[in-house]
Amino acid sequence: MDSQQHSQAQGLMEYAMIIIIVAVLIIVLVYVLGGSIGDLYSTIIETV
């Protein structure tokens, strides 16, 4: 593999890692805050 192919592969891996980290963070936030977000949504719906 030449230098340019190696650089492109490294760039793709970096983008993949960023996407995976963001996805995991979103999943954790939804898991942790899911109940309170649901309660807030229910409260808003009840008042309308």
N, C-alpha and C. Protein backbone atom coordinates (compact mmCIF):
# COMPACT_ATOMS: atom_id res chain seq x y z
N MET A 1 0.86 -1.17 0.00
CA MET A 1 0.00 0.00 0.00
C MET A 1 0.90 1.23 0.00
N ASP A 2 0.63 2.15 -0.92
CA ASP A 2 1.46 3.34 -0.96
C ASP A 2 0.98 4.37 0.05
N SER A 3 1.70 5.46 0.13
CA SER A 3 1.46 6.47 1.16
C SER A 3 0.08 7.12 1.02
N GLN A 4 -0.35 7.37 -0.22
CA GLN A 4 -1.63 8.03 -0.42
C GLN A 4 -2.78 7.12 0.00
N GLN A 5 -2.70 5.83 -0.35
CA GLN A 5 -3.75 4.90 0.05
C GLN A 5 -3.79 4.75 1.57
N HIS A 6 -2.62 4.72 2.19
CA HIS A 6 -2.55 4.62 3.64
C HIS A 6 -3.19 5.84 4.29
N SER A 7 -2.93 7.01 3.74
CA SER A 7 -3.48 8.25 4.28
C SER A 7 -5.00 8.27 4.14
N GLN A 8 -5.51 7.81 3.00
CA GLN A 8 -6.96 7.78 2.80
C GLN A 8 -7.61 6.77 3.75
N ALA A 9 -6.99 5.63 3.92
CA ALA A 9 -7.54 4.62 4.83
C ALA A 9 -7.54 5.14 6.27
N GLN A 10 -6.48 5.84 6.64
CA GLN A 10 -6.42 6.39 7.99
C GLN A 10 -7.52 7.44 8.18
N GLY A 11 -7.76 8.27 7.18
CA GLY A 11 -8.81 9.27 7.26
C GLY A 11 -10.19 8.64 7.41
N LEU A 12 -10.44 7.56 6.66
CA LEU A 12 -11.72 6.87 6.77
C LEU A 12 -11.91 6.26 8.15
N MET A 13 -10.84 5.70 8.70
CA MET A 13 -10.91 5.13 10.05
C MET A 13 -11.20 6.20 11.10
N GLU A 14 -10.60 7.37 10.92
CA GLU A 14 -10.84 8.47 11.86
C GLU A 14 -12.30 8.92 11.81
N TYR A 15 -12.85 9.04 10.61
CA TYR A 15 -14.26 9.42 10.48
C TYR A 15 -15.16 8.34 11.09
N ALA A 16 -14.83 7.08 10.86
CA ALA A 16 -15.62 5.98 11.41
C ALA A 16 -15.59 6.01 12.94
N MET A 17 -14.42 6.26 13.51
CA MET A 17 -14.30 6.32 14.97
C MET A 17 -15.13 7.47 15.53
N ILE A 18 -15.09 8.63 14.86
CA ILE A 18 -15.88 9.78 15.32
C ILE A 18 -17.36 9.44 15.29
N ILE A 19 -17.83 8.82 14.22
CA ILE A 19 -19.24 8.46 14.10
C ILE A 19 -19.63 7.46 15.18
N ILE A 20 -18.77 6.49 15.44
CA ILE A 20 -19.06 5.49 16.47
C ILE A 20 -19.13 6.14 17.85
N ILE A 21 -18.20 7.04 18.14
CA ILE A 21 -18.18 7.71 19.45
C ILE A 21 -19.43 8.56 19.62
N VAL A 22 -19.81 9.30 18.59
CA VAL A 22 -21.02 10.13 18.67
C VAL A 22 -22.25 9.25 18.86
N ALA A 23 -22.34 8.14 18.15
CA ALA A 23 -23.49 7.25 18.27
C ALA A 23 -23.57 6.67 19.69
N VAL A 24 -22.44 6.27 20.25
CA VAL A 24 -22.44 5.73 21.61
C VAL A 24 -22.87 6.80 22.61
N LEU A 25 -22.37 8.02 22.44
CA LEU A 25 -22.76 9.11 23.34
C LEU A 25 -24.26 9.38 23.27
N ILE A 26 -24.81 9.38 22.08
CA ILE A 26 -26.25 9.61 21.93
C ILE A 26 -27.04 8.49 22.61
N ILE A 27 -26.62 7.25 22.42
CA ILE A 27 -27.31 6.12 23.05
C ILE A 27 -27.25 6.24 24.57
N VAL A 28 -26.10 6.59 25.11
CA VAL A 28 -25.96 6.73 26.56
C VAL A 28 -26.83 7.87 27.07
N LEU A 29 -26.84 9.00 26.37
CA LEU A 29 -27.66 10.13 26.80
C LEU A 29 -29.15 9.79 26.77
N VAL A 30 -29.60 9.10 25.75
CA VAL A 30 -31.00 8.72 25.67
C VAL A 30 -31.33 7.73 26.79
N TYR A 31 -30.42 6.81 27.08
CA TYR A 31 -30.65 5.85 28.15
C TYR A 31 -30.72 6.55 29.51
N VAL A 32 -29.81 7.48 29.75
CA VAL A 32 -29.75 8.15 31.04
C VAL A 32 -30.89 9.15 31.20
N LEU A 33 -31.16 9.91 30.15
CA LEU A 33 -32.15 10.98 30.25
C LEU A 33 -33.52 10.59 29.70
N GLY A 34 -33.67 9.38 29.24
CA GLY A 34 -34.90 8.96 28.58
C GLY A 34 -36.13 9.11 29.46
N GLY A 35 -36.03 8.69 30.71
CA GLY A 35 -37.17 8.78 31.61
C GLY A 35 -37.59 10.21 31.87
N SER A 36 -36.63 11.07 32.15
CA SER A 36 -36.97 12.46 32.44
C SER A 36 -37.47 13.19 31.20
N ILE A 37 -36.95 12.84 30.05
CA ILE A 37 -37.44 13.46 28.81
C ILE A 37 -38.88 13.00 28.56
N GLY A 38 -39.17 11.74 28.81
CA GLY A 38 -40.53 11.23 28.66
C GLY A 38 -41.49 11.91 29.61
N ASP A 39 -41.06 12.10 30.86
CA ASP A 39 -41.91 12.79 31.84
C ASP A 39 -42.17 14.23 31.43
N LEU A 40 -41.14 14.91 30.95
CA LEU A 40 -41.29 16.29 30.51
C LEU A 40 -42.25 16.37 29.34
N TYR A 41 -42.11 15.46 28.39
CA TYR A 41 -43.00 15.43 27.23
C TYR A 41 -44.44 15.20 27.68
N SER A 42 -44.65 14.27 28.62
CA SER A 42 -45.99 14.00 29.11
C SER A 42 -46.59 15.22 29.80
N THR A 43 -45.78 15.92 30.57
CA THR A 43 -46.24 17.13 31.27
C THR A 43 -46.66 18.20 30.26
N ILE A 44 -45.87 18.36 29.22
CA ILE A 44 -46.19 19.36 28.20
C ILE A 44 -47.49 19.00 27.49
N ILE A 45 -47.66 17.71 27.16
CA ILE A 45 -48.87 17.27 26.46
C ILE A 45 -50.10 17.46 27.35
N GLU A 46 -49.95 17.18 28.64
CA GLU A 46 -51.09 17.33 29.55
C GLU A 46 -51.54 18.78 29.69
N THR A 47 -50.60 19.70 29.64
CA THR A 47 -50.96 21.10 29.81
C THR A 47 -51.56 21.71 28.54
N VAL A 48 -51.36 21.07 27.42
CA VAL A 48 -51.89 21.60 26.16
C VAL A 48 -53.26 21.07 25.91
